[in-house]
């Protein structure tokens, strides 16, 4: 048995086939059996966020651990391939280091926020760490 077309687990995870064997005699005799195929998952889907853009506002004197926003993403893959984790990435480390995102997609303040924008960019005034 040879695969003739690509399979997609997200479209059809289980396939049942009936195979018939025929002999060349007179009268011709046949035998049948069932073949059950389980299509295993490939990591062929990227996570998709529930919104294209998340916007949040927070006061500059917000305490460590203040919830800034809740994000949500899902992946159509199965098992480990479909488990979504979150990572804050930003080219400005001084900004991305201000926030923490947990496994539920909650973005929280990592430090007491008191930011001053100056000629050299952002400056962190208070560095109480987030647990």
N, C-alpha and C. Protein backbone atom coordinates (compact mmCIF):
# COMPACT_ATOMS: atom_id res chain seq x y z
N UNK A 1 0.86 -1.16 0.00
CA UNK A 1 0.00 0.00 0.00
C UNK A 1 0.91 1.22 0.00
N UNK A 2 0.69 2.14 -0.93
CA UNK A 2 1.52 3.33 -1.10
C UNK A 2 0.63 4.57 -1.04
N UNK A 3 1.07 5.56 -0.30
CA UNK A 3 0.33 6.82 -0.18
C UNK A 3 0.34 7.54 -1.53
N UNK A 4 -0.82 7.97 -2.00
CA UNK A 4 -0.95 8.63 -3.29
C UNK A 4 -1.07 10.15 -3.19
N UNK A 5 -1.56 10.64 -2.05
CA UNK A 5 -1.75 12.08 -1.83
C UNK A 5 -1.31 12.42 -0.41
N UNK A 6 -0.89 13.65 -0.18
CA UNK A 6 -0.53 14.05 1.19
C UNK A 6 -1.74 13.96 2.13
N UNK A 7 -1.48 13.65 3.38
CA UNK A 7 -2.53 13.59 4.40
C UNK A 7 -2.42 14.81 5.30
N UNK A 8 -3.53 15.18 5.91
CA UNK A 8 -3.55 16.29 6.85
C UNK A 8 -4.36 15.86 8.06
N UNK A 9 -3.69 15.65 9.19
CA UNK A 9 -4.37 15.18 10.39
C UNK A 9 -5.46 16.13 10.85
N UNK A 10 -5.28 17.44 10.62
CA UNK A 10 -6.30 18.40 11.05
C UNK A 10 -7.59 18.24 10.25
N UNK A 11 -7.51 17.69 9.06
CA UNK A 11 -8.71 17.46 8.24
C UNK A 11 -9.30 16.07 8.48
N UNK A 12 -8.44 15.06 8.62
CA UNK A 12 -8.92 13.69 8.84
C UNK A 12 -7.86 12.91 9.61
N UNK A 13 -8.17 12.60 10.86
CA UNK A 13 -7.21 11.93 11.74
C UNK A 13 -7.26 10.41 11.60
N UNK A 14 -8.44 9.87 11.29
CA UNK A 14 -8.62 8.41 11.19
C UNK A 14 -9.19 8.07 9.82
N UNK A 15 -8.62 7.04 9.22
CA UNK A 15 -9.07 6.57 7.90
C UNK A 15 -9.30 5.07 8.01
N UNK A 16 -10.44 4.60 7.51
CA UNK A 16 -10.74 3.16 7.48
C UNK A 16 -10.82 2.71 6.03
N UNK A 17 -10.13 1.64 5.73
CA UNK A 17 -10.12 1.09 4.38
C UNK A 17 -10.55 -0.37 4.43
N UNK A 18 -11.11 -0.85 3.33
CA UNK A 18 -11.42 -2.27 3.19
C UNK A 18 -10.53 -2.79 2.06
N UNK A 19 -9.73 -3.80 2.37
CA UNK A 19 -8.82 -4.38 1.39
C UNK A 19 -9.39 -5.74 0.97
N UNK A 20 -9.45 -5.95 -0.34
CA UNK A 20 -9.96 -7.21 -0.87
C UNK A 20 -8.85 -7.91 -1.64
N UNK A 21 -8.67 -9.18 -1.38
CA UNK A 21 -7.72 -10.01 -2.13
C UNK A 21 -8.53 -10.98 -2.98
N UNK A 22 -8.17 -11.10 -4.25
CA UNK A 22 -8.87 -12.00 -5.17
C UNK A 22 -7.88 -13.03 -5.71
N UNK A 23 -8.35 -14.26 -5.87
CA UNK A 23 -7.48 -15.26 -6.50
C UNK A 23 -7.84 -15.42 -7.97
N UNK A 24 -7.10 -16.20 -8.70
CA UNK A 24 -7.33 -16.36 -10.14
C UNK A 24 -8.09 -17.61 -10.49
N UNK A 25 -8.64 -18.30 -9.53
CA UNK A 25 -9.33 -19.56 -9.78
C UNK A 25 -10.75 -19.40 -10.27
N UNK A 26 -11.34 -20.53 -10.61
CA UNK A 26 -12.74 -20.62 -11.01
C UNK A 26 -13.44 -21.54 -10.04
N UNK A 27 -14.36 -21.15 -9.31
CA UNK A 27 -14.85 -19.79 -9.17
C UNK A 27 -13.82 -18.93 -8.42
N UNK A 28 -13.86 -17.66 -8.70
CA UNK A 28 -12.93 -16.73 -8.05
C UNK A 28 -13.31 -16.58 -6.58
N UNK A 29 -12.28 -16.63 -5.73
CA UNK A 29 -12.49 -16.50 -4.29
C UNK A 29 -11.90 -15.17 -3.84
N UNK A 30 -12.52 -14.59 -2.82
CA UNK A 30 -12.03 -13.31 -2.29
C UNK A 30 -11.95 -13.38 -0.77
N UNK A 31 -11.11 -12.54 -0.25
CA UNK A 31 -11.03 -12.35 1.20
C UNK A 31 -10.93 -10.86 1.46
N UNK A 32 -11.51 -10.40 2.52
CA UNK A 32 -11.47 -8.97 2.84
C UNK A 32 -10.97 -8.77 4.26
N UNK A 33 -10.44 -7.59 4.45
CA UNK A 33 -10.01 -7.19 5.79
C UNK A 33 -10.11 -5.67 5.89
N UNK A 34 -10.14 -5.18 7.10
CA UNK A 34 -10.18 -3.73 7.32
C UNK A 34 -8.79 -3.24 7.70
N UNK A 35 -8.47 -2.06 7.23
CA UNK A 35 -7.23 -1.39 7.62
C UNK A 35 -7.63 -0.07 8.25
N UNK A 36 -7.19 0.14 9.48
CA UNK A 36 -7.46 1.40 10.18
C UNK A 36 -6.15 2.18 10.24
N UNK A 37 -6.15 3.38 9.68
CA UNK A 37 -4.96 4.22 9.63
C UNK A 37 -5.19 5.42 10.55
N UNK A 38 -4.23 5.67 11.43
CA UNK A 38 -4.24 6.87 12.26
C UNK A 38 -3.18 7.81 11.71
N UNK A 39 -3.59 9.00 11.34
CA UNK A 39 -2.66 10.00 10.80
C UNK A 39 -2.05 10.73 11.99
N UNK A 40 -0.74 10.60 12.14
CA UNK A 40 -0.03 11.25 13.25
C UNK A 40 0.22 12.71 12.91
N UNK A 41 0.32 13.49 13.94
CA UNK A 41 0.48 14.93 13.75
C UNK A 41 1.90 15.30 13.33
N UNK A 42 1.98 16.26 12.44
CA UNK A 42 3.25 16.92 12.10
C UNK A 42 3.10 18.36 12.57
N UNK A 43 4.18 18.99 12.91
CA UNK A 43 4.13 20.39 13.37
C UNK A 43 4.01 21.29 12.14
N UNK A 44 2.81 21.31 11.55
CA UNK A 44 2.59 22.04 10.31
C UNK A 44 1.69 23.27 10.46
N UNK A 45 1.40 23.65 11.69
CA UNK A 45 0.58 24.84 11.94
C UNK A 45 1.29 25.74 12.94
N UNK A 46 1.26 27.02 12.67
CA UNK A 46 1.83 28.00 13.59
C UNK A 46 0.75 28.45 14.58
N UNK A 47 1.14 28.85 15.79
CA UNK A 47 0.14 29.39 16.72
C UNK A 47 -0.51 30.65 16.13
N UNK A 48 -1.79 30.82 16.43
CA UNK A 48 -2.55 31.97 15.95
C UNK A 48 -3.15 32.68 17.17
N UNK A 49 -2.90 33.98 17.26
CA UNK A 49 -3.47 34.76 18.36
C UNK A 49 -4.93 35.05 18.10
N UNK A 50 -5.71 35.19 19.18
CA UNK A 50 -7.15 35.45 19.04
C UNK A 50 -7.44 36.85 18.52
N UNK A 51 -6.47 37.76 18.63
CA UNK A 51 -6.60 39.12 18.09
C UNK A 51 -5.33 39.45 17.32
N UNK A 52 -5.44 40.27 16.29
CA UNK A 52 -4.23 40.64 15.54
C UNK A 52 -3.33 41.60 16.32
N UNK A 53 -3.91 42.42 17.20
CA UNK A 53 -3.15 43.39 18.00
C UNK A 53 -3.78 43.45 19.39
N UNK A 54 -2.94 43.46 20.42
CA UNK A 54 -3.41 43.66 21.79
C UNK A 54 -2.92 45.03 22.23
N UNK A 55 -3.80 45.79 22.83
CA UNK A 55 -3.43 47.11 23.34
C UNK A 55 -3.69 47.15 24.83
N UNK A 56 -2.80 47.81 25.56
CA UNK A 56 -2.96 47.92 27.01
C UNK A 56 -2.45 49.28 27.46
N UNK A 57 -3.00 49.76 28.55
CA UNK A 57 -2.54 50.98 29.19
C UNK A 57 -2.25 50.65 30.65
N UNK A 58 -1.22 51.31 31.18
CA UNK A 58 -0.84 51.06 32.57
C UNK A 58 -0.26 52.35 33.13
N UNK A 59 -0.59 52.64 34.37
CA UNK A 59 -0.06 53.86 34.98
C UNK A 59 1.41 53.67 35.34
N UNK A 60 2.16 54.74 35.37
CA UNK A 60 3.59 54.65 35.60
C UNK A 60 3.94 54.22 37.02
N UNK A 61 3.02 54.33 37.96
CA UNK A 61 3.32 53.91 39.34
C UNK A 61 2.71 52.55 39.66
N UNK A 62 2.50 51.73 38.64
CA UNK A 62 1.93 50.40 38.84
C UNK A 62 2.90 49.50 39.58
N UNK A 63 2.36 48.68 40.46
CA UNK A 63 3.17 47.80 41.30
C UNK A 63 3.62 46.56 40.54
N UNK A 64 4.68 45.96 41.05
CA UNK A 64 5.16 44.69 40.52
C UNK A 64 4.01 43.68 40.54
N UNK A 65 3.85 42.93 39.47
CA UNK A 65 2.81 41.92 39.39
C UNK A 65 1.48 42.43 38.87
N UNK A 66 1.37 43.73 38.59
CA UNK A 66 0.14 44.27 38.03
C UNK A 66 -0.14 43.63 36.67
N UNK A 67 -1.35 43.12 36.48
CA UNK A 67 -1.74 42.53 35.21
C UNK A 67 -1.86 43.64 34.17
N UNK A 68 -1.11 43.49 33.08
CA UNK A 68 -1.13 44.49 32.01
C UNK A 68 -2.12 44.09 30.94
N UNK A 69 -2.08 42.83 30.51
CA UNK A 69 -3.01 42.33 29.51
C UNK A 69 -3.02 40.81 29.53
N UNK A 70 -4.04 40.24 28.96
CA UNK A 70 -4.17 38.78 28.81
C UNK A 70 -4.20 38.49 27.32
N UNK A 71 -3.29 37.66 26.84
CA UNK A 71 -3.28 37.27 25.44
C UNK A 71 -3.69 35.81 25.32
N UNK A 72 -4.07 35.41 24.12
CA UNK A 72 -4.48 34.03 23.90
C UNK A 72 -4.10 33.62 22.49
N UNK A 73 -3.48 32.46 22.38
CA UNK A 73 -3.13 31.90 21.08
C UNK A 73 -3.45 30.41 21.11
N UNK A 74 -3.76 29.86 19.94
CA UNK A 74 -4.02 28.42 19.84
C UNK A 74 -3.29 27.87 18.62
N UNK A 75 -3.07 26.57 18.64
CA UNK A 75 -2.36 25.90 17.56
C UNK A 75 -3.18 24.66 17.19
N UNK A 76 -3.45 24.47 15.92
CA UNK A 76 -4.29 23.35 15.47
C UNK A 76 -3.59 22.01 15.55
N UNK A 77 -2.28 22.00 15.79
CA UNK A 77 -1.57 20.74 15.92
C UNK A 77 -1.96 20.04 17.22
N UNK A 78 -1.54 18.80 17.36
CA UNK A 78 -1.94 17.97 18.50
C UNK A 78 -0.73 17.66 19.38
N UNK A 79 -0.99 17.42 20.65
CA UNK A 79 0.07 17.03 21.57
C UNK A 79 1.06 18.15 21.77
N UNK A 80 2.34 17.77 21.90
CA UNK A 80 3.39 18.77 22.12
C UNK A 80 3.46 19.78 20.99
N UNK A 81 3.13 19.37 19.78
CA UNK A 81 3.15 20.29 18.63
C UNK A 81 2.11 21.40 18.76
N UNK A 82 1.06 21.16 19.53
CA UNK A 82 0.00 22.15 19.68
C UNK A 82 0.06 22.92 20.98
N UNK A 83 1.05 22.64 21.83
CA UNK A 83 1.18 23.37 23.09
C UNK A 83 1.79 24.73 22.82
N UNK A 84 1.13 25.76 23.30
CA UNK A 84 1.56 27.14 23.06
C UNK A 84 2.25 27.68 24.31
N UNK A 85 3.42 28.25 24.13
CA UNK A 85 4.10 28.97 25.20
C UNK A 85 4.32 30.39 24.71
N UNK A 86 4.56 31.29 25.63
CA UNK A 86 4.69 32.70 25.29
C UNK A 86 6.07 33.21 25.69
N UNK A 87 6.63 34.05 24.84
CA UNK A 87 7.92 34.67 25.10
C UNK A 87 7.83 36.12 24.67
N UNK A 88 8.27 37.03 25.54
CA UNK A 88 8.30 38.44 25.16
C UNK A 88 9.60 38.69 24.43
N UNK A 89 9.49 39.18 23.22
CA UNK A 89 10.67 39.49 22.43
C UNK A 89 10.60 40.93 21.98
N UNK A 90 11.69 41.63 22.10
CA UNK A 90 11.72 43.03 21.71
C UNK A 90 13.17 43.40 21.45
N UNK A 91 13.39 44.20 20.45
CA UNK A 91 14.76 44.60 20.14
C UNK A 91 15.33 45.54 21.20
N UNK A 92 14.46 46.13 21.99
CA UNK A 92 14.92 47.02 23.06
C UNK A 92 14.83 46.25 24.38
N UNK A 93 15.96 45.65 24.80
CA UNK A 93 15.96 44.85 26.02
C UNK A 93 15.47 45.62 27.24
N UNK A 94 15.74 46.93 27.29
CA UNK A 94 15.30 47.71 28.44
C UNK A 94 13.78 47.74 28.54
N UNK A 95 13.08 47.56 27.42
CA UNK A 95 11.61 47.53 27.44
C UNK A 95 11.12 46.12 27.72
N UNK A 96 11.64 45.13 27.00
CA UNK A 96 11.14 43.76 27.18
C UNK A 96 11.45 43.22 28.57
N UNK A 97 12.47 43.73 29.23
CA UNK A 97 12.80 43.28 30.58
C UNK A 97 11.85 43.83 31.64
N UNK A 98 10.99 44.74 31.28
CA UNK A 98 10.04 45.31 32.24
C UNK A 98 8.84 44.40 32.50
N UNK A 99 8.61 43.45 31.60
CA UNK A 99 7.39 42.65 31.68
C UNK A 99 7.70 41.16 31.72
N UNK A 100 6.75 40.41 32.28
CA UNK A 100 6.84 38.96 32.39
C UNK A 100 5.54 38.41 31.81
N UNK A 101 5.61 37.32 31.06
CA UNK A 101 4.39 36.68 30.58
C UNK A 101 4.39 35.24 31.08
N UNK A 102 3.27 34.82 31.65
CA UNK A 102 3.20 33.46 32.20
C UNK A 102 2.58 32.50 31.19
N UNK A 103 2.45 31.25 31.57
CA UNK A 103 1.96 30.22 30.65
C UNK A 103 0.49 30.41 30.28
N UNK A 104 -0.25 31.21 31.05
CA UNK A 104 -1.65 31.49 30.72
C UNK A 104 -1.78 32.71 29.81
N UNK A 105 -0.67 33.32 29.43
CA UNK A 105 -0.70 34.48 28.55
C UNK A 105 -0.94 35.79 29.27
N UNK A 106 -0.77 35.80 30.58
CA UNK A 106 -0.94 37.03 31.34
C UNK A 106 0.38 37.78 31.38
N UNK A 107 0.35 39.02 30.89
CA UNK A 107 1.54 39.86 30.92
C UNK A 107 1.46 40.73 32.15
N UNK A 108 2.51 40.68 32.96
CA UNK A 108 2.54 41.41 34.23
C UNK A 108 3.79 42.28 34.30
N UNK A 109 3.71 43.27 35.18
CA UNK A 109 4.87 44.13 35.42
C UNK A 109 5.93 43.32 36.15
N UNK A 110 7.14 43.42 35.67
CA UNK A 110 8.26 42.73 36.30
C UNK A 110 8.94 43.64 37.33
N UNK A 111 8.77 44.91 37.18
CA UNK A 111 9.35 45.91 38.07
C UNK A 111 8.28 46.95 38.37
N UNK A 112 8.48 47.70 39.47
CA UNK A 112 7.65 48.87 39.67
C UNK A 112 7.96 49.79 38.48
N UNK A 113 6.94 50.22 37.77
CA UNK A 113 7.19 50.99 36.56
C UNK A 113 7.22 52.48 36.88
N UNK A 114 8.34 53.09 36.59
CA UNK A 114 8.50 54.53 36.67
C UNK A 114 9.52 54.85 35.58
N UNK A 115 9.02 55.09 34.39
CA UNK A 115 9.88 55.22 33.22
C UNK A 115 10.02 56.68 32.83
N UNK A 116 11.24 57.07 32.54
CA UNK A 116 11.51 58.41 32.03
C UNK A 116 12.08 58.27 30.64
N UNK A 117 11.51 58.96 29.70
CA UNK A 117 12.01 58.94 28.33
C UNK A 117 12.96 60.11 28.18
N UNK A 118 14.21 59.80 27.88
CA UNK A 118 15.23 60.84 27.71
C UNK A 118 15.91 60.69 26.37
N UNK A 119 16.96 61.41 26.19
CA UNK A 119 17.69 61.41 24.93
C UNK A 119 18.27 60.04 24.61
N UNK A 120 18.52 59.24 25.60
CA UNK A 120 19.11 57.92 25.37
C UNK A 120 18.09 56.80 25.45
N UNK A 121 16.81 57.08 25.47
CA UNK A 121 15.79 56.03 25.48
C UNK A 121 15.19 55.83 26.86
N UNK A 122 14.78 54.61 27.13
CA UNK A 122 14.10 54.31 28.38
C UNK A 122 15.09 54.09 29.50
N UNK A 123 14.69 54.51 30.70
CA UNK A 123 15.52 54.29 31.87
C UNK A 123 14.63 53.73 32.96
N UNK A 124 15.07 52.66 33.57
CA UNK A 124 14.34 52.01 34.63
C UNK A 124 14.77 52.63 35.96
N UNK A 125 13.83 53.19 36.73
CA UNK A 125 14.20 53.84 37.97
C UNK A 125 14.19 52.92 39.16
N UNK A 126 13.29 51.95 39.19
CA UNK A 126 13.18 51.08 40.35
C UNK A 126 13.22 49.64 39.87
N UNK A 127 14.01 48.80 40.46
CA UNK A 127 14.18 47.46 39.93
C UNK A 127 13.81 46.38 40.95
N UNK A 128 12.62 46.46 41.51
CA UNK A 128 12.12 45.39 42.37
C UNK A 128 11.80 44.21 41.47
N UNK A 129 12.42 43.07 41.71
CA UNK A 129 12.22 41.94 40.79
C UNK A 129 10.88 41.28 41.01
N UNK A 130 10.40 40.64 39.95
CA UNK A 130 9.13 39.92 39.93
C UNK A 130 9.39 38.46 40.26
N UNK A 131 8.59 37.89 41.13
CA UNK A 131 8.76 36.47 41.48
C UNK A 131 7.84 35.61 40.67
